[in-house]
N, C-alpha and C. Protein backbone atom coordinates (compact mmCIF):
# COMPACT_ATOMS: atom_id res chain seq x y z
N MET A 1 79.10 -125.17 117.32
CA MET A 1 80.17 -124.41 116.67
C MET A 1 80.34 -123.41 118.29
N SER A 2 81.53 -122.84 118.65
CA SER A 2 81.86 -121.96 119.50
C SER A 2 81.67 -120.52 119.08
N LYS A 3 81.69 -119.53 120.05
CA LYS A 3 81.35 -118.50 119.48
C LYS A 3 82.53 -117.99 118.69
N LYS A 4 84.02 -118.38 118.83
CA LYS A 4 85.09 -117.91 118.44
C LYS A 4 85.02 -118.66 116.85
N GLY A 5 84.35 -119.97 117.01
CA GLY A 5 84.25 -120.30 115.64
C GLY A 5 83.24 -119.59 114.69
N GLU A 6 82.33 -119.33 115.23
CA GLU A 6 81.19 -118.43 114.56
C GLU A 6 82.05 -117.21 113.90
N LEU A 7 82.67 -116.62 114.94
CA LEU A 7 83.35 -115.37 114.12
C LEU A 7 84.30 -115.76 113.16
N ARG A 8 84.79 -116.66 113.06
CA ARG A 8 85.85 -117.35 112.37
C ARG A 8 85.26 -117.20 110.97
N ALA A 9 83.95 -117.39 110.94
CA ALA A 9 83.23 -117.77 110.19
C ALA A 9 82.80 -116.57 109.34
N LEU A 10 82.59 -115.40 109.50
CA LEU A 10 82.64 -114.09 109.15
C LEU A 10 83.08 -114.05 107.79
N GLU A 11 82.72 -112.91 107.25
CA GLU A 11 83.41 -112.91 105.63
C GLU A 11 84.97 -111.99 106.28
N ASP A 12 85.57 -112.20 105.17
CA ASP A 12 86.85 -111.61 105.41
C ASP A 12 86.91 -110.21 104.94
N LEU A 13 87.69 -109.34 105.83
CA LEU A 13 87.82 -108.00 105.73
C LEU A 13 88.59 -107.63 104.23
N LEU A 14 88.07 -106.54 103.72
CA LEU A 14 88.59 -106.02 102.58
C LEU A 14 89.73 -104.91 103.11
N LEU A 15 91.12 -105.22 102.58
CA LEU A 15 92.07 -104.62 103.34
C LEU A 15 92.09 -103.14 102.39
N GLU A 16 91.55 -102.73 101.30
CA GLU A 16 91.15 -101.79 100.81
C GLU A 16 89.64 -101.25 100.39
N PRO A 17 89.31 -99.73 100.61
CA PRO A 17 87.75 -99.92 99.87
C PRO A 17 87.55 -100.62 98.43
N PRO A 18 86.55 -100.80 98.62
CA PRO A 18 86.23 -101.38 97.01
C PRO A 18 86.05 -100.36 95.72
N VAL A 19 86.45 -100.87 94.91
CA VAL A 19 86.48 -100.10 93.72
C VAL A 19 85.35 -100.08 92.81
N GLU A 20 84.78 -101.48 93.08
CA GLU A 20 83.36 -101.57 92.11
C GLU A 20 82.17 -102.37 93.41
N LYS A 21 80.86 -102.22 92.83
CA LYS A 21 79.96 -103.00 93.74
C LYS A 21 80.43 -104.52 94.12
N ASN A 22 80.88 -104.99 92.95
CA ASN A 22 81.26 -106.54 92.74
C ASN A 22 82.24 -106.97 93.92
N ASP A 23 82.91 -105.84 93.93
CA ASP A 23 84.19 -106.04 95.16
C ASP A 23 83.43 -106.52 96.40
N ILE A 24 82.28 -106.05 96.80
CA ILE A 24 81.84 -105.78 98.14
C ILE A 24 81.38 -107.73 98.46
N ARG A 25 82.01 -107.76 99.60
CA ARG A 25 81.34 -109.11 99.84
C ARG A 25 80.03 -109.19 101.00
N ARG A 26 79.53 -110.16 100.43
CA ARG A 26 78.09 -110.27 101.50
C ARG A 26 78.58 -110.51 102.72
N PRO A 27 77.82 -110.15 103.58
CA PRO A 27 78.13 -110.21 105.03
C PRO A 27 77.47 -111.32 105.58
N ARG A 28 78.15 -112.33 106.41
CA ARG A 28 77.40 -113.68 107.07
C ARG A 28 76.76 -113.27 108.39
N TYR A 29 75.84 -113.17 108.53
CA TYR A 29 75.06 -112.70 109.36
C TYR A 29 74.96 -113.31 110.73
N LEU A 30 74.88 -113.14 112.09
CA LEU A 30 75.18 -113.83 112.91
C LEU A 30 73.86 -115.03 113.17
N PRO A 31 72.50 -114.40 113.40
CA PRO A 31 71.86 -115.21 113.36
C PRO A 31 71.83 -116.43 111.98
N LYS A 32 72.22 -116.53 111.00
CA LYS A 32 72.57 -117.61 110.36
C LYS A 32 73.69 -118.39 110.51
N LEU A 33 74.32 -117.71 111.17
CA LEU A 33 75.94 -118.51 111.26
C LEU A 33 75.51 -119.69 112.72
N THR A 34 74.86 -118.76 113.53
CA THR A 34 74.60 -119.67 114.75
C THR A 34 73.21 -120.51 115.04
N GLY A 35 72.45 -120.11 113.75
CA GLY A 35 71.17 -121.10 113.53
C GLY A 35 70.08 -120.19 114.63
N ASP A 36 70.07 -119.19 115.27
CA ASP A 36 69.49 -118.50 115.85
C ASP A 36 68.15 -118.14 115.41
N SER A 37 66.95 -118.50 116.07
CA SER A 37 65.98 -118.04 115.65
C SER A 37 65.45 -116.51 116.39
N LEU A 38 66.09 -116.10 116.99
CA LEU A 38 65.99 -114.74 118.07
C LEU A 38 64.49 -115.02 118.96
N ASP A 39 64.27 -116.13 119.08
CA ASP A 39 63.14 -116.28 120.07
C ASP A 39 63.25 -115.76 121.79
N LYS A 40 64.58 -116.25 121.77
CA LYS A 40 64.85 -115.98 123.51
C LYS A 40 65.06 -114.98 123.59
N TYR A 41 65.17 -113.66 123.13
CA TYR A 41 65.56 -112.39 123.30
C TYR A 41 64.15 -111.38 123.79
N PRO A 42 64.17 -110.61 124.65
CA PRO A 42 62.67 -109.76 125.18
C PRO A 42 62.48 -108.72 124.17
N ARG A 43 63.86 -108.42 123.51
CA ARG A 43 63.68 -107.35 122.53
C ARG A 43 64.52 -107.43 121.31
N ARG A 44 64.41 -107.31 120.15
CA ARG A 44 65.20 -106.94 119.17
C ARG A 44 65.34 -105.68 118.71
N ILE A 45 66.48 -104.93 118.80
CA ILE A 45 66.79 -103.83 118.39
C ILE A 45 67.75 -103.46 117.06
N PHE A 46 67.42 -102.52 116.11
CA PHE A 46 68.37 -102.38 115.42
C PHE A 46 68.78 -100.76 115.36
N VAL A 47 69.77 -100.20 115.65
CA VAL A 47 70.05 -98.81 115.89
C VAL A 47 71.42 -98.26 114.65
N ASP A 48 70.99 -97.06 114.25
CA ASP A 48 71.60 -96.86 113.10
C ASP A 48 72.27 -95.41 113.58
N PHE A 49 73.37 -95.25 114.23
CA PHE A 49 74.47 -94.03 114.45
C PHE A 49 75.07 -93.51 113.42
N GLY A 50 74.66 -92.29 113.22
CA GLY A 50 75.44 -91.73 112.23
C GLY A 50 75.12 -90.36 111.78
N SER A 51 75.70 -89.62 111.10
CA SER A 51 75.63 -88.22 110.64
C SER A 51 74.44 -87.78 109.97
N ARG A 52 74.00 -86.71 110.48
CA ARG A 52 72.95 -85.74 109.95
C ARG A 52 72.69 -86.24 108.64
N GLY A 53 71.67 -86.08 107.96
CA GLY A 53 71.34 -86.27 106.29
C GLY A 53 71.89 -87.29 105.61
N ARG A 54 72.31 -88.37 106.47
CA ARG A 54 72.69 -89.51 105.63
C ARG A 54 71.43 -90.39 105.50
N ILE A 55 71.60 -91.37 104.37
CA ILE A 55 70.83 -92.05 103.69
C ILE A 55 70.56 -93.24 105.22
N GLY A 56 69.58 -93.52 105.48
CA GLY A 56 69.19 -94.41 106.89
C GLY A 56 69.75 -95.50 106.21
N ALA A 57 70.04 -96.63 107.39
CA ALA A 57 70.16 -97.76 107.01
C ALA A 57 69.22 -98.91 107.33
N GLU A 58 68.03 -97.97 107.59
CA GLU A 58 67.07 -99.03 107.99
C GLU A 58 66.35 -99.77 107.22
N ASN A 59 66.08 -99.27 105.72
CA ASN A 59 65.52 -99.67 104.62
C ASN A 59 66.62 -101.13 104.50
N TRP A 60 68.07 -101.21 104.01
CA TRP A 60 68.64 -102.09 104.06
C TRP A 60 68.47 -103.07 105.17
N PHE A 61 68.34 -102.67 106.10
CA PHE A 61 68.24 -103.74 107.33
C PHE A 61 67.02 -104.57 107.15
N LEU A 62 65.72 -103.77 107.09
CA LEU A 62 64.62 -104.58 106.79
C LEU A 62 64.72 -105.34 105.65
N ARG A 63 65.24 -104.85 104.64
CA ARG A 63 65.27 -105.81 103.51
C ARG A 63 66.10 -106.84 103.68
N ASN A 64 67.09 -106.93 104.30
CA ASN A 64 68.43 -107.93 104.07
C ASN A 64 68.62 -108.67 105.35
N TYR A 65 68.67 -107.93 106.43
CA TYR A 65 68.83 -108.93 107.81
C TYR A 65 67.92 -110.12 107.85
N PRO A 66 68.24 -111.11 108.63
CA PRO A 66 67.58 -112.58 108.49
C PRO A 66 66.68 -112.65 110.22
N LYS A 67 65.64 -111.93 110.03
CA LYS A 67 64.98 -111.32 111.42
C LYS A 67 64.08 -112.49 111.66
N SER A 68 64.10 -113.52 111.08
CA SER A 68 63.11 -114.60 111.51
C SER A 68 61.83 -114.38 111.76
N ARG A 69 61.25 -113.43 111.30
CA ARG A 69 59.91 -112.93 111.37
C ARG A 69 59.66 -112.42 112.61
N LYS A 70 60.69 -111.88 113.21
CA LYS A 70 60.63 -110.98 114.47
C LYS A 70 60.44 -109.76 114.08
N LYS A 71 59.85 -109.21 115.06
CA LYS A 71 59.86 -107.26 114.83
C LYS A 71 61.11 -107.00 115.69
N PHE A 72 61.78 -106.17 114.96
CA PHE A 72 63.05 -105.29 115.51
C PHE A 72 62.24 -103.71 115.73
N GLU A 73 62.75 -103.13 117.13
CA GLU A 73 62.61 -101.91 117.31
C GLU A 73 63.61 -101.18 116.33
N MET A 74 63.25 -100.02 116.04
CA MET A 74 64.39 -99.47 114.84
C MET A 74 64.20 -98.11 115.71
N ALA A 75 66.06 -97.77 115.86
CA ALA A 75 66.02 -96.38 116.12
C ALA A 75 67.42 -95.75 115.13
N ARG A 76 67.22 -94.18 114.90
CA ARG A 76 68.27 -93.72 114.19
C ARG A 76 68.53 -92.48 114.64
N VAL A 77 70.09 -92.37 115.38
CA VAL A 77 70.69 -91.69 115.94
C VAL A 77 71.46 -90.78 115.70
N ASP A 78 71.10 -89.64 115.19
CA ASP A 78 72.20 -88.69 114.79
C ASP A 78 73.27 -88.30 115.57
N LEU A 79 74.39 -88.04 115.12
CA LEU A 79 75.61 -87.84 115.83
C LEU A 79 75.97 -86.69 115.94
N VAL A 80 75.56 -85.46 115.34
CA VAL A 80 75.67 -84.03 115.11
C VAL A 80 75.48 -83.86 116.54
N GLY A 81 76.07 -83.13 117.38
CA GLY A 81 76.07 -82.44 118.46
C GLY A 81 76.22 -83.43 119.51
N MET A 82 76.28 -84.38 119.31
CA MET A 82 76.58 -85.57 120.58
C MET A 82 78.25 -85.30 121.18
N PRO A 83 78.07 -85.46 122.56
CA PRO A 83 79.23 -85.10 123.19
C PRO A 83 80.55 -86.15 122.37
N VAL A 84 80.08 -87.25 122.07
CA VAL A 84 80.97 -88.03 121.73
C VAL A 84 81.84 -87.31 120.60
N LEU A 85 81.43 -86.82 119.78
CA LEU A 85 82.06 -85.71 118.56
C LEU A 85 82.76 -84.75 119.28
N ALA A 86 82.55 -84.16 120.40
CA ALA A 86 83.03 -83.12 121.03
C ALA A 86 84.08 -83.13 121.75
N GLY A 87 84.45 -84.67 121.88
CA GLY A 87 85.38 -84.78 123.25
C GLY A 87 85.02 -85.80 124.29
N GLY A 88 83.94 -86.47 124.16
CA GLY A 88 83.47 -87.23 125.12
C GLY A 88 82.10 -86.55 126.00
N GLY A 89 81.97 -87.24 126.87
CA GLY A 89 81.04 -86.75 128.20
C GLY A 89 79.93 -87.36 128.31
N VAL A 90 78.90 -87.23 129.51
CA VAL A 90 77.70 -87.49 129.66
C VAL A 90 76.90 -87.24 128.22
N GLY A 91 75.94 -88.37 127.84
CA GLY A 91 75.21 -88.09 126.78
C GLY A 91 75.73 -88.37 125.41
N GLY A 92 76.69 -89.03 125.20
CA GLY A 92 77.34 -89.71 124.11
C GLY A 92 76.86 -91.01 123.83
N VAL A 93 77.09 -91.73 122.72
CA VAL A 93 76.68 -92.96 122.18
C VAL A 93 76.37 -93.94 123.05
N ALA A 94 77.50 -94.23 123.72
CA ALA A 94 77.61 -95.12 124.78
C ALA A 94 76.61 -94.93 125.90
N ASP A 95 76.41 -93.68 126.39
CA ASP A 95 75.40 -93.32 127.40
C ASP A 95 73.94 -93.67 126.79
N TRP A 96 73.80 -93.27 125.44
CA TRP A 96 72.55 -93.37 124.88
C TRP A 96 72.42 -95.02 124.64
N LEU A 97 73.15 -95.64 124.24
CA LEU A 97 72.88 -97.40 124.52
C LEU A 97 72.45 -98.05 125.74
N THR A 98 73.54 -97.34 126.49
CA THR A 98 73.29 -98.07 127.87
C THR A 98 71.47 -97.74 128.31
N MET A 99 71.12 -96.55 128.19
CA MET A 99 69.95 -96.38 128.62
C MET A 99 68.69 -96.75 127.77
N ASN A 100 68.98 -97.19 126.76
CA ASN A 100 68.05 -97.86 125.46
C ASN A 100 68.28 -99.53 125.35
N ALA A 101 69.10 -100.20 125.88
CA ALA A 101 69.07 -101.27 125.52
C ALA A 101 69.89 -102.54 126.95
N ARG A 102 69.19 -103.44 126.83
CA ARG A 102 69.86 -104.46 128.05
C ARG A 102 70.67 -105.62 127.68
N GLU A 103 71.31 -106.00 128.36
CA GLU A 103 71.96 -107.35 128.13
C GLU A 103 71.33 -108.44 127.38
N GLU A 104 70.42 -108.47 127.72
CA GLU A 104 69.34 -109.80 127.40
C GLU A 104 68.86 -109.45 125.73
N ASP A 105 68.94 -108.30 125.41
CA ASP A 105 68.24 -108.04 124.28
C ASP A 105 69.21 -108.28 123.30
N PHE A 106 68.61 -108.43 121.99
CA PHE A 106 69.52 -108.63 120.71
C PHE A 106 69.59 -107.56 119.76
N VAL A 107 70.94 -106.88 120.00
CA VAL A 107 71.16 -105.61 119.15
C VAL A 107 71.86 -105.49 118.16
N VAL A 108 71.21 -105.00 117.29
CA VAL A 108 72.12 -104.60 115.90
C VAL A 108 72.61 -103.10 115.71
N VAL A 109 73.69 -103.23 115.46
CA VAL A 109 74.12 -101.53 115.30
C VAL A 109 74.94 -101.32 113.78
N LYS A 110 74.32 -100.48 113.65
CA LYS A 110 75.12 -99.97 112.00
C LYS A 110 75.50 -98.28 112.61
N ALA A 111 77.12 -98.34 112.65
CA ALA A 111 77.41 -96.89 113.13
C ALA A 111 78.89 -96.60 112.43
N GLU A 112 78.92 -95.24 112.52
CA GLU A 112 80.25 -94.85 112.01
C GLU A 112 81.38 -95.05 113.15
N GLU A 113 82.67 -94.72 112.52
CA GLU A 113 83.97 -95.13 113.62
C GLU A 113 84.02 -94.63 114.68
N GLU A 114 83.64 -93.23 115.00
CA GLU A 114 83.49 -92.41 115.86
C GLU A 114 82.64 -92.94 116.94
N ALA A 115 81.60 -93.20 116.58
CA ALA A 115 80.71 -94.13 117.48
C ALA A 115 81.00 -95.07 118.06
N VAL A 116 81.40 -95.92 117.40
CA VAL A 116 82.01 -97.04 117.85
C VAL A 116 83.13 -96.81 119.01
N VAL A 117 83.88 -95.93 118.64
CA VAL A 117 85.27 -95.74 119.45
C VAL A 117 84.65 -95.41 120.72
N ASP A 118 83.34 -94.57 120.85
CA ASP A 118 82.58 -94.05 121.75
C ASP A 118 82.22 -95.22 122.70
N LEU A 119 81.55 -96.23 121.59
CA LEU A 119 81.04 -97.62 122.45
C LEU A 119 82.02 -98.37 123.18
N VAL A 120 83.02 -98.36 122.83
CA VAL A 120 84.18 -99.25 123.10
C VAL A 120 84.86 -98.41 124.45
N ASN A 121 85.14 -96.95 124.38
CA ASN A 121 85.52 -96.38 125.67
C ASN A 121 84.42 -96.22 126.65
N GLY A 122 83.28 -96.08 126.29
CA GLY A 122 82.11 -96.11 127.24
C GLY A 122 81.79 -97.45 127.76
N LYS A 123 82.37 -98.63 127.57
CA LYS A 123 82.07 -99.85 128.06
C LYS A 123 80.65 -100.26 127.61
N ALA A 124 79.96 -100.15 126.46
CA ALA A 124 79.01 -100.56 126.27
C ALA A 124 79.07 -101.25 124.86
N ILE A 125 79.96 -101.52 124.29
CA ILE A 125 79.91 -102.37 123.10
C ILE A 125 79.45 -103.85 123.47
N GLY A 126 79.76 -104.22 124.80
CA GLY A 126 78.99 -105.66 125.27
C GLY A 126 77.73 -105.99 124.73
N LEU A 127 77.26 -104.70 124.77
CA LEU A 127 75.67 -104.81 124.76
C LEU A 127 75.17 -105.03 122.91
N VAL A 128 76.52 -104.99 122.26
CA VAL A 128 75.89 -105.17 120.75
C VAL A 128 76.19 -106.63 120.39
N ASP A 129 75.19 -106.99 119.72
CA ASP A 129 75.50 -108.44 119.26
C ASP A 129 76.23 -108.63 118.11
N GLU A 130 75.78 -107.72 117.12
CA GLU A 130 76.36 -107.80 115.60
C GLU A 130 76.50 -106.18 115.20
N LEU A 131 77.48 -105.94 114.64
CA LEU A 131 78.00 -104.45 114.23
C LEU A 131 78.33 -104.58 112.87
N PHE A 132 78.00 -103.32 112.11
CA PHE A 132 78.17 -102.87 111.00
C PHE A 132 79.26 -101.68 111.24
N LEU A 133 80.45 -101.42 110.79
CA LEU A 133 81.38 -100.19 111.14
C LEU A 133 81.62 -99.79 109.65
N GLU A 134 81.31 -98.24 109.72
CA GLU A 134 81.75 -97.64 108.33
C GLU A 134 82.61 -96.94 108.83
N CYS A 135 83.80 -96.78 108.29
CA CYS A 135 85.10 -96.04 108.20
C CYS A 135 85.09 -94.72 107.82
N SER A 136 85.57 -93.69 108.36
CA SER A 136 85.19 -92.47 107.76
C SER A 136 86.05 -92.06 106.89
N SER A 137 87.18 -92.69 106.56
CA SER A 137 88.13 -92.86 105.78
C SER A 137 88.04 -93.49 104.58
N GLN A 138 86.98 -94.37 104.65
CA GLN A 138 86.62 -95.33 103.61
C GLN A 138 86.95 -94.70 102.01
N TRP A 139 86.74 -93.59 101.82
CA TRP A 139 86.36 -93.02 100.93
C TRP A 139 87.25 -92.25 100.34
N GLY A 140 88.44 -92.17 100.86
CA GLY A 140 89.85 -91.42 100.73
C GLY A 140 89.48 -90.16 100.90
N SER A 141 90.15 -89.22 99.91
CA SER A 141 89.87 -87.58 100.26
C SER A 141 88.67 -86.94 100.34
N GLU A 142 87.65 -87.55 99.69
CA GLU A 142 86.33 -87.04 99.74
C GLU A 142 86.08 -86.68 101.20
N LYS A 143 85.49 -85.44 101.32
CA LYS A 143 84.80 -85.02 102.69
C LYS A 143 83.61 -84.48 102.57
N ASN A 144 82.61 -84.80 103.49
CA ASN A 144 81.29 -84.24 103.17
C ASN A 144 81.53 -82.69 103.80
N VAL A 145 81.39 -81.37 103.40
CA VAL A 145 81.66 -80.42 103.80
C VAL A 145 80.49 -80.06 104.93
N GLU A 146 79.55 -80.47 104.88
CA GLU A 146 78.43 -80.15 105.84
C GLU A 146 78.76 -80.99 107.09
N ASP A 147 79.32 -81.96 106.87
CA ASP A 147 79.71 -82.59 108.24
C ASP A 147 81.11 -82.89 108.80
N GLU A 148 81.51 -81.82 109.52
CA GLU A 148 82.71 -81.60 109.99
C GLU A 148 83.06 -82.32 111.11
N THR A 149 82.37 -83.03 111.42
CA THR A 149 82.56 -84.05 112.82
C THR A 149 83.35 -85.16 112.48
N ARG A 150 83.26 -85.61 111.18
CA ARG A 150 83.84 -86.80 110.92
C ARG A 150 85.62 -86.62 110.85
N ARG A 151 86.14 -87.76 111.50
CA ARG A 151 87.46 -87.93 111.81
C ARG A 151 87.95 -88.46 110.55
N ASN A 152 89.17 -87.74 110.36
CA ASN A 152 90.11 -88.43 108.99
C ASN A 152 90.97 -89.28 109.59
N THR A 153 90.53 -90.57 109.92
CA THR A 153 91.47 -91.52 110.07
C THR A 153 92.22 -92.60 109.34
N PRO A 154 93.45 -92.73 109.43
CA PRO A 154 93.50 -93.29 108.34
C PRO A 154 92.77 -94.79 107.98
N TYR A 155 92.57 -95.47 106.88
CA TYR A 155 91.85 -96.58 106.72
C TYR A 155 92.43 -97.78 107.35
N TRP A 156 93.80 -97.88 107.57
CA TRP A 156 94.32 -99.02 108.17
C TRP A 156 94.14 -99.26 109.89
N ALA A 157 93.78 -97.51 110.27
CA ALA A 157 93.30 -97.83 111.71
C ALA A 157 91.85 -98.27 111.91
N CYS A 158 91.03 -97.87 111.07
CA CYS A 158 89.72 -98.61 111.18
C CYS A 158 89.89 -99.88 110.79
N LEU A 159 90.53 -100.73 109.98
CA LEU A 159 90.91 -102.25 110.03
C LEU A 159 91.09 -102.59 111.14
N ALA A 160 92.19 -101.87 111.96
CA ALA A 160 92.71 -102.32 113.42
C ALA A 160 91.61 -102.31 114.09
N LEU A 161 90.61 -101.38 114.34
CA LEU A 161 89.71 -101.35 115.23
C LEU A 161 88.71 -102.80 114.86
N LEU A 162 88.42 -102.88 113.58
CA LEU A 162 87.82 -104.00 113.11
C LEU A 162 88.00 -105.63 113.62
N GLY A 163 89.38 -105.73 113.27
CA GLY A 163 90.01 -106.70 113.66
C GLY A 163 89.94 -107.08 115.51
N LYS A 164 90.61 -105.57 116.13
CA LYS A 164 90.37 -105.78 117.32
C LYS A 164 88.89 -106.11 117.96
N LEU A 165 87.72 -105.58 117.41
CA LEU A 165 86.41 -106.07 117.70
C LEU A 165 86.08 -107.44 117.47
N ARG A 166 86.80 -108.24 116.61
CA ARG A 166 86.25 -109.39 116.18
C ARG A 166 87.33 -110.26 117.17
N GLU A 167 88.62 -109.81 117.43
CA GLU A 167 89.25 -110.63 118.67
C GLU A 167 88.51 -110.68 120.19
N ASP A 168 87.63 -109.67 120.19
CA ASP A 168 87.19 -109.40 121.55
C ASP A 168 85.69 -109.97 121.41
N GLY A 169 85.53 -110.85 120.56
CA GLY A 169 84.16 -111.52 120.17
C GLY A 169 83.15 -111.01 120.02
N ILE A 170 83.55 -109.58 118.98
CA ILE A 170 82.13 -109.00 118.59
C ILE A 170 82.05 -109.38 117.10
N ALA A 171 80.75 -109.99 116.84
CA ALA A 171 80.55 -110.17 115.12
C ALA A 171 80.70 -108.75 114.45
N VAL A 172 81.45 -108.34 113.54
CA VAL A 172 81.81 -106.80 113.29
C VAL A 172 81.72 -107.22 111.60
N HIS A 173 81.07 -106.20 110.94
CA HIS A 173 81.00 -106.36 109.58
C HIS A 173 81.56 -104.86 109.12
N GLN A 174 82.21 -105.10 107.79
CA GLN A 174 82.60 -103.59 107.28
C GLN A 174 81.10 -103.03 106.30
N TRP A 175 81.13 -101.53 106.80
CA TRP A 175 79.44 -100.96 106.02
C TRP A 175 80.09 -100.33 104.89
N TRP A 176 79.56 -100.51 103.80
CA TRP A 176 79.71 -99.66 102.50
C TRP A 176 79.05 -98.86 102.23
N ASP A 177 78.70 -97.67 102.28
CA ASP A 177 77.56 -96.74 101.86
C ASP A 177 77.50 -96.75 100.57
N LEU A 178 76.94 -97.63 99.30
CA LEU A 178 76.65 -97.49 98.12
C LEU A 178 76.71 -96.08 97.39
N ASN A 179 75.74 -95.30 98.14
CA ASN A 179 75.21 -94.21 97.55
C ASN A 179 76.58 -93.07 97.71
N LYS A 180 77.30 -93.30 98.33
CA LYS A 180 78.52 -92.39 98.35
C LYS A 180 79.49 -92.85 97.43
N GLN A 181 79.71 -94.19 97.30
CA GLN A 181 80.76 -94.65 96.53
C GLN A 181 80.31 -94.43 95.00
N TRP A 182 79.06 -94.95 94.36
CA TRP A 182 78.80 -95.41 93.64
C TRP A 182 77.90 -94.64 92.77
N LYS A 183 77.83 -93.19 92.43
CA LYS A 183 76.73 -92.47 92.20
C LYS A 183 76.46 -92.28 90.71
């Protein structure tokens, strides 16, 4: 199957944020779609780019992602204070990924929308094999007062970003932070 065919086999995107946990579609992970054993990569990396104080995605990744018994390097990068959130510049998310990953690595990223925009603008999105994108607007008007860095982008704009990334050949999934939605 070609890469385009594999991406067509990804789960459908939700046009609205889920109301219940049962509304969430299980991701169809890239290694399962491609039958990739992950043996050919010198390094396998999982990076969680997000707001300070978030519950990290590392445990979810370790429990759910098909790692084929391969060890993944884990990184958690807080966006607070990064130039991407202050209008760009050296030292943003794209620079971090460019300095810490190579084209020949297998890279899985969980990131908030503004980090993904920086990866795209900084031309580092090509280093990402699989992406879990969290839309900052997905929870409606709810806003974390401690995190003033998050954009209030309309949900449809994040959906457009998801669609564009898939069109560009990135295996991207919607990320739903269950801890925020259903307490």
